[in-house]
């Protein structure tokens, strides 16, 4: 069983070297590349202004983050959720760069780049020369974008989780028919929890005779070859 974490950040700008900060972070747990429903999400006080041009992108205003925890207050919980497995993001160097800058501010080590999985690189490898933004990939894979009116870290993570499944082979990735068939109980349980058992279909002699008469009227039927 392989655990990974997919994450996304929203920030006050494009470059941490210019003093821009993280103001939202979300992360989803994946087991064998599928979401488990476990997630980490918080808004953060960036300890600086939130420029109007970035508010138009993600919709998060200074009022929204007023009184929210600072990064140092949530770092321990975030790193615990990250664990030791792969860290997946779209345009991952951007998100890794911002988190590294936040970690430096509290005297913590940077994230291990060996853990980085960049879905943008995966998408460019699979679809060279095509648009590979989150929106473009959602449209390509038929993933519902109706809720994405602005960037939102948690929603973007959930969309990216669906994209990641498609980029890594779809929901049949790692399918083991032998293992699954061995695990199927003799009774099949439906949503109403009433067990049903397969019922054999019995054919009468008259039905068999009618079928043979029908085949006799066909020219070289495959069923008799």
C-alpha atoms as a PDB file:
ATOM      1  CA  UNK A   1       0.000   0.000   0.000  1.00  0.00           C
ATOM      2  CA  UNK A   2       1.607   3.246  -1.193  1.00  0.00           C
ATOM      3  CA  UNK A   3       0.774   6.572   0.478  1.00  0.00           C
ATOM      4  CA  UNK A   4       1.305   9.908  -1.236  1.00  0.00           C
ATOM      5  CA  UNK A   5       0.043  13.431  -0.617  1.00  0.00           C
ATOM      6  CA  UNK A   6      -1.224  15.802  -3.285  1.00  0.00           C
ATOM      7  CA  UNK A   7      -1.157  19.493  -2.346  1.00  0.00           C
ATOM      8  CA  UNK A   8      -1.744  23.019  -3.617  1.00  0.00           C
ATOM      9  CA  UNK A   9      -1.067  26.541  -2.348  1.00  0.00           C
ATOM     10  CA  UNK A  10      -2.525  29.973  -2.975  1.00  0.00           C
ATOM     11  CA  UNK A  11      -0.172  32.898  -2.468  1.00  0.00           C
ATOM     12  CA  UNK A  12       0.053  36.686  -2.398  1.00  0.00           C
ATOM     13  CA  UNK A  13       2.147  36.717  -5.578  1.00  0.00           C
ATOM     14  CA  UNK A  14       4.423  34.733  -7.843  1.00  0.00           C
ATOM     15  CA  UNK A  15       7.850  34.966  -6.197  1.00  0.00           C
ATOM     16  CA  UNK A  16       8.752  34.219  -2.572  1.00  0.00           C
ATOM     17  CA  UNK A  17      12.083  35.981  -3.131  1.00  0.00           C
ATOM     18  CA  UNK A  18      10.079  39.217  -3.432  1.00  0.00           C
ATOM     19  CA  UNK A  19       8.418  38.666  -0.071  1.00  0.00           C
ATOM     20  CA  UNK A  20       5.258  36.963  -1.271  1.00  0.00           C
ATOM     21  CA  UNK A  21       3.702  34.462   1.118  1.00  0.00           C
ATOM     22  CA  UNK A  22       1.379  31.471   1.282  1.00  0.00           C
ATOM     23  CA  UNK A  23      -2.167  32.366   2.368  1.00  0.00           C
ATOM     24  CA  UNK A  24      -3.930  29.034   1.739  1.00  0.00           C
ATOM     25  CA  UNK A  25      -2.745  25.436   1.637  1.00  0.00           C
ATOM     26  CA  UNK A  26      -4.632  22.206   1.052  1.00  0.00           C
ATOM     27  CA  UNK A  27      -3.440  18.615   0.862  1.00  0.00           C
ATOM     28  CA  UNK A  28      -5.172  15.317   0.080  1.00  0.00           C
ATOM     29  CA  UNK A  29      -4.061  11.844   1.099  1.00  0.00           C
ATOM     30  CA  UNK A  30      -3.769   9.257  -1.679  1.00  0.00           C
ATOM     31  CA  UNK A  31      -3.433   5.525  -1.129  1.00  0.00           C
ATOM     32  CA  UNK A  32      -2.366   3.602  -4.233  1.00  0.00           C
ATOM     33  CA  UNK A  33      -2.929   6.861  -6.157  1.00  0.00           C
ATOM     34  CA  UNK A  34      -6.598   7.196  -5.123  1.00  0.00           C
ATOM     35  CA  UNK A  35      -8.004   9.769  -2.634  1.00  0.00           C
ATOM     36  CA  UNK A  36      -8.952   8.380   0.780  1.00  0.00           C
ATOM     37  CA  UNK A  37     -11.048  11.372   1.859  1.00  0.00           C
ATOM     38  CA  UNK A  38      -8.448  12.488   4.414  1.00  0.00           C
ATOM     39  CA  UNK A  39      -7.275  16.055   3.874  1.00  0.00           C
ATOM     40  CA  UNK A  40      -5.522  19.052   5.427  1.00  0.00           C
ATOM     41  CA  UNK A  41      -6.756  22.579   4.678  1.00  0.00           C
ATOM     42  CA  UNK A  42      -6.269  26.021   6.180  1.00  0.00           C
ATOM     43  CA  UNK A  43      -6.187  29.707   5.360  1.00  0.00           C
ATOM     44  CA  UNK A  44      -3.106  31.517   6.647  1.00  0.00           C
ATOM     45  CA  UNK A  45      -2.269  35.016   7.763  1.00  0.00           C
ATOM     46  CA  UNK A  46       0.461  35.991   5.268  1.00  0.00           C
ATOM     47  CA  UNK A  47       1.644  38.815   7.536  1.00  0.00           C
ATOM     48  CA  UNK A  48       1.522  41.236   4.599  1.00  0.00           C
ATOM     49  CA  UNK A  49      -0.957  42.816   2.190  1.00  0.00           C
ATOM     50  CA  UNK A  50      -2.874  40.812  -0.406  1.00  0.00           C
ATOM     51  CA  UNK A  51      -2.567  42.598  -3.763  1.00  0.00           C
ATOM     52  CA  UNK A  52      -5.777  43.241  -5.666  1.00  0.00           C
ATOM     53  CA  UNK A  53      -4.476  41.496  -8.798  1.00  0.00           C
ATOM     54  CA  UNK A  54      -4.075  38.177  -6.961  1.00  0.00           C
ATOM     55  CA  UNK A  55      -7.442  38.564  -5.230  1.00  0.00           C
ATOM     56  CA  UNK A  56      -8.945  38.491  -8.730  1.00  0.00           C
ATOM     57  CA  UNK A  57      -7.262  35.094  -9.270  1.00  0.00           C
ATOM     58  CA  UNK A  58      -8.111  33.230  -6.066  1.00  0.00           C
ATOM     59  CA  UNK A  59     -10.731  35.444  -4.433  1.00  0.00           C
ATOM     60  CA  UNK A  60      -8.997  35.503  -1.031  1.00  0.00           C
ATOM     61  CA  UNK A  61      -8.926  38.969   0.509  1.00  0.00           C
ATOM     62  CA  UNK A  62      -7.024  40.426   3.454  1.00  0.00           C
ATOM     63  CA  UNK A  63     -10.284  40.303   5.409  1.00  0.00           C
ATOM     64  CA  UNK A  64     -10.599  36.551   4.726  1.00  0.00           C
ATOM     65  CA  UNK A  65      -7.191  35.810   6.277  1.00  0.00           C
ATOM     66  CA  UNK A  66      -7.342  38.304   9.155  1.00  0.00           C
ATOM     67  CA  UNK A  67      -6.958  36.392  12.424  1.00  0.00           C
ATOM     68  CA  UNK A  68      -6.030  33.121  10.688  1.00  0.00           C
ATOM     69  CA  UNK A  69      -3.004  31.161  11.940  1.00  0.00           C
ATOM     70  CA  UNK A  70       0.470  32.060  10.747  1.00  0.00           C
ATOM     71  CA  UNK A  71       2.442  29.392   8.892  1.00  0.00           C
ATOM     72  CA  UNK A  72       4.622  28.580  11.900  1.00  0.00           C
ATOM     73  CA  UNK A  73       1.524  27.672  13.892  1.00  0.00           C
ATOM     74  CA  UNK A  74       0.425  24.963  11.452  1.00  0.00           C
ATOM     75  CA  UNK A  75       3.789  23.772  10.112  1.00  0.00           C
ATOM     76  CA  UNK A  76       4.109  20.810  12.465  1.00  0.00           C
ATOM     77  CA  UNK A  77       0.638  19.499  11.617  1.00  0.00           C
ATOM     78  CA  UNK A  78       1.223  20.065   7.890  1.00  0.00           C
ATOM     79  CA  UNK A  79       4.529  18.189   7.870  1.00  0.00           C
ATOM     80  CA  UNK A  80       2.974  15.362   9.879  1.00  0.00           C
ATOM     81  CA  UNK A  81       0.214  15.084   7.267  1.00  0.00           C
ATOM     82  CA  UNK A  82       2.793  15.170   4.470  1.00  0.00           C
ATOM     83  CA  UNK A  83       4.533  12.165   6.025  1.00  0.00           C
ATOM     84  CA  UNK A  84       7.515  10.694   4.196  1.00  0.00           C
ATOM     85  CA  UNK A  85       6.029   9.685   0.840  1.00  0.00           C
ATOM     86  CA  UNK A  86       5.768  11.399  -2.545  1.00  0.00           C
ATOM     87  CA  UNK A  87       4.429  14.968  -2.706  1.00  0.00           C
ATOM     88  CA  UNK A  88       2.359  15.693  -5.813  1.00  0.00           C
ATOM     89  CA  UNK A  89       1.531  19.132  -7.197  1.00  0.00           C
ATOM     90  CA  UNK A  90       0.786  20.817 -10.515  1.00  0.00           C
ATOM     91  CA  UNK A  91       3.779  22.959 -11.456  1.00  0.00           C
ATOM     92  CA  UNK A  92       5.336  21.538  -8.302  1.00  0.00           C
ATOM     93  CA  UNK A  93       8.489  23.728  -8.222  1.00  0.00           C
ATOM     94  CA  UNK A  94       6.220  26.749  -7.612  1.00  0.00           C
ATOM     95  CA  UNK A  95       4.516  25.205  -4.563  1.00  0.00           C
ATOM     96  CA  UNK A  96       7.726  23.621  -3.255  1.00  0.00           C
ATOM     97  CA  UNK A  97       9.483  27.003  -3.572  1.00  0.00           C
ATOM     98  CA  UNK A  98       6.863  28.809  -1.533  1.00  0.00           C
ATOM     99  CA  UNK A  99       6.751  26.142   1.168  1.00  0.00           C
ATOM    100  CA  UNK A 100      10.551  26.080   1.362  1.00  0.00           C
ATOM    101  CA  UNK A 101      10.533  29.860   1.899  1.00  0.00           C
ATOM    102  CA  UNK A 102       7.956  29.487   4.681  1.00  0.00           C
ATOM    103  CA  UNK A 103       9.951  26.675   6.268  1.00  0.00           C
ATOM    104  CA  UNK A 104      13.138  28.769   6.185  1.00  0.00           C
ATOM    105  CA  UNK A 105      11.372  31.531   8.081  1.00  0.00           C
ATOM    106  CA  UNK A 106      10.755  29.169  11.007  1.00  0.00           C
ATOM    107  CA  UNK A 107      14.189  27.526  10.825  1.00  0.00           C
ATOM    108  CA  UNK A 108      12.925  24.228   9.388  1.00  0.00           C
ATOM    109  CA  UNK A 109      14.623  22.256   6.585  1.00  0.00           C
ATOM    110  CA  UNK A 110      13.396  22.482   3.012  1.00  0.00           C
ATOM    111  CA  UNK A 111      11.263  19.762   1.457  1.00  0.00           C
ATOM    112  CA  UNK A 112      13.166  16.899  -0.139  1.00  0.00           C
ATOM    113  CA  UNK A 113      13.069  17.439  -3.901  1.00  0.00           C
ATOM    114  CA  UNK A 114      13.394  13.688  -4.344  1.00  0.00           C
ATOM    115  CA  UNK A 115       9.776  13.437  -3.162  1.00  0.00           C
ATOM    116  CA  UNK A 116       8.477  15.816  -5.838  1.00  0.00           C
ATOM    117  CA  UNK A 117       5.977  14.562  -8.431  1.00  0.00           C
ATOM    118  CA  UNK A 118       5.024  17.279 -10.906  1.00  0.00           C
ATOM    119  CA  UNK A 119       1.757  16.575 -12.723  1.00  0.00           C
ATOM    120  CA  UNK A 120       2.557  19.366 -15.188  1.00  0.00           C
ATOM    121  CA  UNK A 121       5.623  17.400 -16.305  1.00  0.00           C
ATOM    122  CA  UNK A 122       3.500  14.232 -16.550  1.00  0.00           C
ATOM    123  CA  UNK A 123       0.917  16.088 -18.639  1.00  0.00           C
ATOM    124  CA  UNK A 124       3.511  17.634 -20.976  1.00  0.00           C
ATOM    125  CA  UNK A 125       5.031  14.193 -21.531  1.00  0.00           C
ATOM    126  CA  UNK A 126       1.651  12.719 -22.396  1.00  0.00           C
ATOM    127  CA  UNK A 127       0.290  15.707 -24.338  1.00  0.00           C
ATOM    128  CA  UNK A 128       3.308  17.504 -25.845  1.00  0.00           C
ATOM    129  CA  UNK A 129       2.507  20.820 -27.443  1.00  0.00           C
ATOM    130  CA  UNK A 130      -1.010  21.036 -25.964  1.00  0.00           C
ATOM    131  CA  UNK A 131      -2.292  23.319 -23.166  1.00  0.00           C
ATOM    132  CA  UNK A 132      -1.758  21.511 -19.864  1.00  0.00           C
ATOM    133  CA  UNK A 133      -3.193  23.868 -17.280  1.00  0.00           C
ATOM    134  CA  UNK A 134      -5.511  22.441 -14.632  1.00  0.00           C
ATOM    135  CA  UNK A 135      -8.534  23.757 -16.544  1.00  0.00           C
ATOM    136  CA  UNK A 136      -7.304  22.367 -19.869  1.00  0.00           C
ATOM    137  CA  UNK A 137      -6.664  18.924 -18.381  1.00  0.00           C
ATOM    138  CA  UNK A 138     -10.066  18.854 -16.696  1.00  0.00           C
ATOM    139  CA  UNK A 139     -11.720  19.592 -20.032  1.00  0.00           C
ATOM    140  CA  UNK A 140      -9.576  16.973 -21.771  1.00  0.00           C
ATOM    141  CA  UNK A 141     -10.524  14.272 -19.259  1.00  0.00           C
ATOM    142  CA  UNK A 142     -14.173  15.335 -18.931  1.00  0.00           C
ATOM    143  CA  UNK A 143     -13.825  16.422 -15.284  1.00  0.00           C
ATOM    144  CA  UNK A 144     -16.531  18.807 -14.019  1.00  0.00           C
ATOM    145  CA  UNK A 145     -15.175  22.357 -13.696  1.00  0.00           C
ATOM    146  CA  UNK A 146     -18.437  24.104 -12.839  1.00  0.00           C
ATOM    147  CA  UNK A 147     -17.453  24.839  -9.221  1.00  0.00           C
ATOM    148  CA  UNK A 148     -14.117  26.414 -10.175  1.00  0.00           C
ATOM    149  CA  UNK A 149     -15.038  30.075 -10.508  1.00  0.00           C
ATOM    150  CA  UNK A 150     -11.755  31.136  -8.830  1.00  0.00           C
ATOM    151  CA  UNK A 151      -8.627  29.300  -7.731  1.00  0.00           C
ATOM    152  CA  UNK A 152      -9.186  27.486  -4.452  1.00  0.00           C
ATOM    153  CA  UNK A 153      -6.526  25.230  -2.971  1.00  0.00           C
ATOM    154  CA  UNK A 154      -8.849  22.504  -1.691  1.00  0.00           C
ATOM    155  CA  UNK A 155     -11.012  22.392  -4.824  1.00  0.00           C
ATOM    156  CA  UNK A 156      -7.899  22.455  -7.011  1.00  0.00           C
ATOM    157  CA  UNK A 157      -6.514  19.493  -5.059  1.00  0.00           C
ATOM    158  CA  UNK A 158      -9.676  17.518  -5.623  1.00  0.00           C
ATOM    159  CA  UNK A 159      -9.628  18.271  -9.334  1.00  0.00           C
ATOM    160  CA  UNK A 160      -5.930  17.466  -9.556  1.00  0.00           C
ATOM    161  CA  UNK A 161      -6.514  14.137  -7.803  1.00  0.00           C
ATOM    162  CA  UNK A 162      -8.880  13.160 -10.630  1.00  0.00           C
ATOM    163  CA  UNK A 163      -6.382  14.361 -13.218  1.00  0.00           C
ATOM    164  CA  UNK A 164      -3.567  12.434 -11.536  1.00  0.00           C
ATOM    165  CA  UNK A 165      -5.585   9.230 -11.702  1.00  0.00           C
ATOM    166  CA  UNK A 166      -6.020   9.760 -15.445  1.00  0.00           C
ATOM    167  CA  UNK A 167      -2.384  10.691 -16.032  1.00  0.00           C
ATOM    168  CA  UNK A 168      -1.194   7.564 -14.255  1.00  0.00           C
ATOM    169  CA  UNK A 169      -3.422   5.149 -16.113  1.00  0.00           C
ATOM    170  CA  UNK A 170      -6.980   5.697 -14.920  1.00  0.00           C
ATOM    171  CA  UNK A 171      -8.840   3.830 -12.206  1.00  0.00           C
ATOM    172  CA  UNK A 172      -7.693   0.449 -13.537  1.00  0.00           C
ATOM    173  CA  UNK A 173      -4.085   1.192 -12.577  1.00  0.00           C
ATOM    174  CA  UNK A 174      -2.666  -1.715 -10.629  1.00  0.00           C
ATOM    175  CA  UNK A 175      -5.749  -3.840 -11.208  1.00  0.00           C
ATOM    176  CA  UNK A 176      -5.203  -7.423 -10.112  1.00  0.00           C
ATOM    177  CA  UNK A 177      -8.066  -9.546 -11.397  1.00  0.00           C
ATOM    178  CA  UNK A 178      -6.832 -12.697  -9.706  1.00  0.00           C
ATOM    179  CA  UNK A 179      -6.623 -11.017  -6.325  1.00  0.00           C
ATOM    180  CA  UNK A 180     -10.012  -9.375  -6.745  1.00  0.00           C
ATOM    181  CA  UNK A 181     -11.739 -12.573  -7.865  1.00  0.00           C
ATOM    182  CA  UNK A 182     -10.321 -14.418  -4.869  1.00  0.00           C
ATOM    183  CA  UNK A 183     -11.824 -11.772  -2.598  1.00  0.00           C
ATOM    184  CA  UNK A 184     -15.367 -11.947  -4.057  1.00  0.00           C
ATOM    185  CA  UNK A 185     -17.700 -13.722  -1.604  1.00  0.00           C
ATOM    186  CA  UNK A 186     -20.143 -16.347  -2.879  1.00  0.00           C
ATOM    187  CA  UNK A 187     -23.058 -13.952  -2.270  1.00  0.00           C
ATOM    188  CA  UNK A 188     -23.133 -10.583  -4.063  1.00  0.00           C
ATOM    189  CA  UNK A 189     -24.324  -7.757  -1.806  1.00  0.00           C
ATOM    190  CA  UNK A 190     -26.230  -4.873  -3.367  1.00  0.00           C
ATOM    191  CA  UNK A 191     -26.854  -1.375  -2.007  1.00  0.00           C
ATOM    192  CA  UNK A 192     -29.925  -2.538  -0.089  1.00  0.00           C
ATOM    193  CA  UNK A 193     -27.736  -5.109   1.738  1.00  0.00           C
ATOM    194  CA  UNK A 194     -29.861  -8.051   0.591  1.00  0.00           C
ATOM    195  CA  UNK A 195     -27.621 -10.912  -0.576  1.00  0.00           C
ATOM    196  CA  UNK A 196     -28.323 -12.265  -4.025  1.00  0.00           C
ATOM    197  CA  UNK A 197     -26.936 -15.473  -5.505  1.00  0.00           C
ATOM    198  CA  UNK A 198     -26.507 -16.204  -9.213  1.00  0.00           C
ATOM    199  CA  UNK A 199     -29.423 -18.209 -10.614  1.00  0.00           C
ATOM    200  CA  UNK A 200     -28.666 -20.555 -13.535  1.00  0.00           C
ATOM    201  CA  UNK A 201     -30.818 -20.155 -16.660  1.00  0.00           C
ATOM    202  CA  UNK A 202     -32.275 -23.536 -17.674  1.00  0.00           C
ATOM    203  CA  UNK A 203     -33.232 -24.173 -21.317  1.00  0.00           C
ATOM    204  CA  UNK A 204     -36.041 -26.627 -22.133  1.00  0.00           C
ATOM    205  CA  UNK A 205     -35.833 -29.330 -24.838  1.00  0.00           C
ATOM    206  CA  UNK A 206     -38.434 -27.430 -26.893  1.00  0.00           C
ATOM    207  CA  UNK A 207     -36.338 -24.249 -26.764  1.00  0.00           C
ATOM    208  CA  UNK A 208     -33.227 -26.158 -27.829  1.00  0.00           C
ATOM    209  CA  UNK A 209     -35.109 -27.697 -30.766  1.00  0.00           C
ATOM    210  CA  UNK A 210     -36.397 -24.283 -31.856  1.00  0.00           C
ATOM    211  CA  UNK A 211     -32.868 -22.880 -31.689  1.00  0.00           C
ATOM    212  CA  UNK A 212     -31.470 -25.711 -33.821  1.00  0.00           C
ATOM    213  CA  UNK A 213     -34.239 -25.223 -36.386  1.00  0.00           C
ATOM    214  CA  UNK A 214     -33.373 -21.524 -36.589  1.00  0.00           C
ATOM    215  CA  UNK A 215     -29.671 -22.285 -37.146  1.00  0.00           C
ATOM    216  CA  UNK A 216     -30.563 -24.744 -39.913  1.00  0.00           C
ATOM    217  CA  UNK A 217     -32.063 -21.861 -41.891  1.00  0.00           C
ATOM    218  CA  UNK A 218     -28.808 -19.878 -41.749  1.00  0.00           C
ATOM    219  CA  UNK A 219     -26.003 -20.179 -44.278  1.00  0.00           C
ATOM    220  CA  UNK A 220     -22.827 -21.458 -42.572  1.00  0.00           C
ATOM    221  CA  UNK A 221     -23.713 -20.212 -39.043  1.00  0.00           C
ATOM    222  CA  UNK A 222     -20.693 -19.502 -36.871  1.00  0.00           C
ATOM    223  CA  UNK A 223     -22.320 -21.295 -33.953  1.00  0.00           C
ATOM    224  CA  UNK A 224     -21.927 -24.643 -35.749  1.00  0.00           C
ATOM    225  CA  UNK A 225     -18.346 -24.137 -36.949  1.00  0.00           C
END
